[in-house]
């Protein structure tokens, strides 16, 4: 069988933990942050798990990265 290409945009946005969870970062953290409070800006630093609805779609984009 031929190899499946990895979607490079999805590869940079998602990563897998050691236990196999699919994690993502929040959007909107790159600009227009000067006027936001520090408590709001701290929320952008953490990664959150991907919902179960989107896991199948991301699995198709990352054939070799998702367990």
C-alpha atoms as a PDB file:
ATOM      1  CA  UNK A   1       0.000   0.000   0.000  1.00  0.00           C
ATOM      2  CA  UNK A   2       1.185   3.541  -0.635  1.00  0.00           C
ATOM      3  CA  UNK A   3       1.957   5.857   2.227  1.00  0.00           C
ATOM      4  CA  UNK A   4      -0.554   8.502   3.322  1.00  0.00           C
ATOM      5  CA  UNK A   5       0.617  12.100   3.486  1.00  0.00           C
ATOM      6  CA  UNK A   6       0.424  13.936   6.796  1.00  0.00           C
ATOM      7  CA  UNK A   7      -1.456  17.240   6.822  1.00  0.00           C
ATOM      8  CA  UNK A   8       1.224  19.719   7.871  1.00  0.00           C
ATOM      9  CA  UNK A   9      -1.205  22.306   9.260  1.00  0.00           C
ATOM     10  CA  UNK A  10      -2.755  19.727  11.561  1.00  0.00           C
ATOM     11  CA  UNK A  11       0.689  18.442  12.523  1.00  0.00           C
ATOM     12  CA  UNK A  12       1.690  21.863  13.828  1.00  0.00           C
ATOM     13  CA  UNK A  13      -1.592  22.466  15.693  1.00  0.00           C
ATOM     14  CA  UNK A  14      -2.106  19.132  17.479  1.00  0.00           C
ATOM     15  CA  UNK A  15       0.130  16.895  19.544  1.00  0.00           C
ATOM     16  CA  UNK A  16      -0.273  13.642  21.392  1.00  0.00           C
ATOM     17  CA  UNK A  17       0.541  13.095  25.050  1.00  0.00           C
ATOM     18  CA  UNK A  18       2.243  10.006  26.393  1.00  0.00           C
ATOM     19  CA  UNK A  19      -1.092   8.556  27.470  1.00  0.00           C
ATOM     20  CA  UNK A  20      -2.498   9.032  23.958  1.00  0.00           C
ATOM     21  CA  UNK A  21      -4.650  12.129  24.455  1.00  0.00           C
ATOM     22  CA  UNK A  22      -4.937  14.522  21.528  1.00  0.00           C
ATOM     23  CA  UNK A  23      -4.174  18.088  22.663  1.00  0.00           C
ATOM     24  CA  UNK A  24      -4.584  21.460  20.982  1.00  0.00           C
ATOM     25  CA  UNK A  25      -3.747  25.074  21.756  1.00  0.00           C
ATOM     26  CA  UNK A  26      -6.328  27.823  21.833  1.00  0.00           C
ATOM     27  CA  UNK A  27      -6.687  30.196  18.908  1.00  0.00           C
ATOM     28  CA  UNK A  28      -6.343  33.960  19.037  1.00  0.00           C
ATOM     29  CA  UNK A  29      -3.099  34.111  20.981  1.00  0.00           C
ATOM     30  CA  UNK A  30      -0.846  35.734  18.418  1.00  0.00           C
ATOM     31  CA  UNK A  31      -1.926  39.372  18.288  1.00  0.00           C
ATOM     32  CA  UNK A  32      -4.312  41.957  19.839  1.00  0.00           C
ATOM     33  CA  UNK A  33      -3.345  40.820  23.310  1.00  0.00           C
ATOM     34  CA  UNK A  34      -2.076  44.109  24.773  1.00  0.00           C
ATOM     35  CA  UNK A  35      -5.442  45.351  25.940  1.00  0.00           C
ATOM     36  CA  UNK A  36      -6.594  42.036  27.409  1.00  0.00           C
ATOM     37  CA  UNK A  37      -6.221  41.377  31.139  1.00  0.00           C
ATOM     38  CA  UNK A  38      -3.430  39.140  32.383  1.00  0.00           C
ATOM     39  CA  UNK A  39      -5.862  36.524  33.627  1.00  0.00           C
ATOM     40  CA  UNK A  40      -7.276  36.162  30.122  1.00  0.00           C
ATOM     41  CA  UNK A  41      -3.813  35.998  28.545  1.00  0.00           C
ATOM     42  CA  UNK A  42      -2.774  33.200  30.892  1.00  0.00           C
ATOM     43  CA  UNK A  43      -5.616  31.062  29.534  1.00  0.00           C
ATOM     44  CA  UNK A  44      -3.974  31.059  26.093  1.00  0.00           C
ATOM     45  CA  UNK A  45      -0.815  29.364  27.408  1.00  0.00           C
ATOM     46  CA  UNK A  46      -2.384  26.045  28.317  1.00  0.00           C
ATOM     47  CA  UNK A  47      -3.250  23.210  25.967  1.00  0.00           C
ATOM     48  CA  UNK A  48      -6.671  21.598  26.108  1.00  0.00           C
ATOM     49  CA  UNK A  49      -7.856  18.176  24.929  1.00  0.00           C
ATOM     50  CA  UNK A  50      -9.650  17.862  21.609  1.00  0.00           C
ATOM     51  CA  UNK A  51     -13.337  16.994  21.816  1.00  0.00           C
ATOM     52  CA  UNK A  52     -14.384  13.486  20.883  1.00  0.00           C
ATOM     53  CA  UNK A  53     -16.391  14.809  17.922  1.00  0.00           C
ATOM     54  CA  UNK A  54     -13.284  16.053  16.111  1.00  0.00           C
ATOM     55  CA  UNK A  55     -10.947  13.149  16.895  1.00  0.00           C
ATOM     56  CA  UNK A  56     -11.964  11.123  13.831  1.00  0.00           C
ATOM     57  CA  UNK A  57     -11.362  14.074  11.517  1.00  0.00           C
ATOM     58  CA  UNK A  58      -7.925  14.771  12.964  1.00  0.00           C
ATOM     59  CA  UNK A  59      -7.031  11.097  12.860  1.00  0.00           C
ATOM     60  CA  UNK A  60      -7.554  11.199   9.095  1.00  0.00           C
ATOM     61  CA  UNK A  61      -5.217  14.209   8.802  1.00  0.00           C
ATOM     62  CA  UNK A  62      -2.509  12.651  11.008  1.00  0.00           C
ATOM     63  CA  UNK A  63      -2.408   8.996   9.976  1.00  0.00           C
ATOM     64  CA  UNK A  64       0.890   8.221  11.738  1.00  0.00           C
ATOM     65  CA  UNK A  65       0.623  10.516  14.751  1.00  0.00           C
ATOM     66  CA  UNK A  66      -2.651   9.508  16.392  1.00  0.00           C
ATOM     67  CA  UNK A  67      -2.891   6.336  18.465  1.00  0.00           C
END
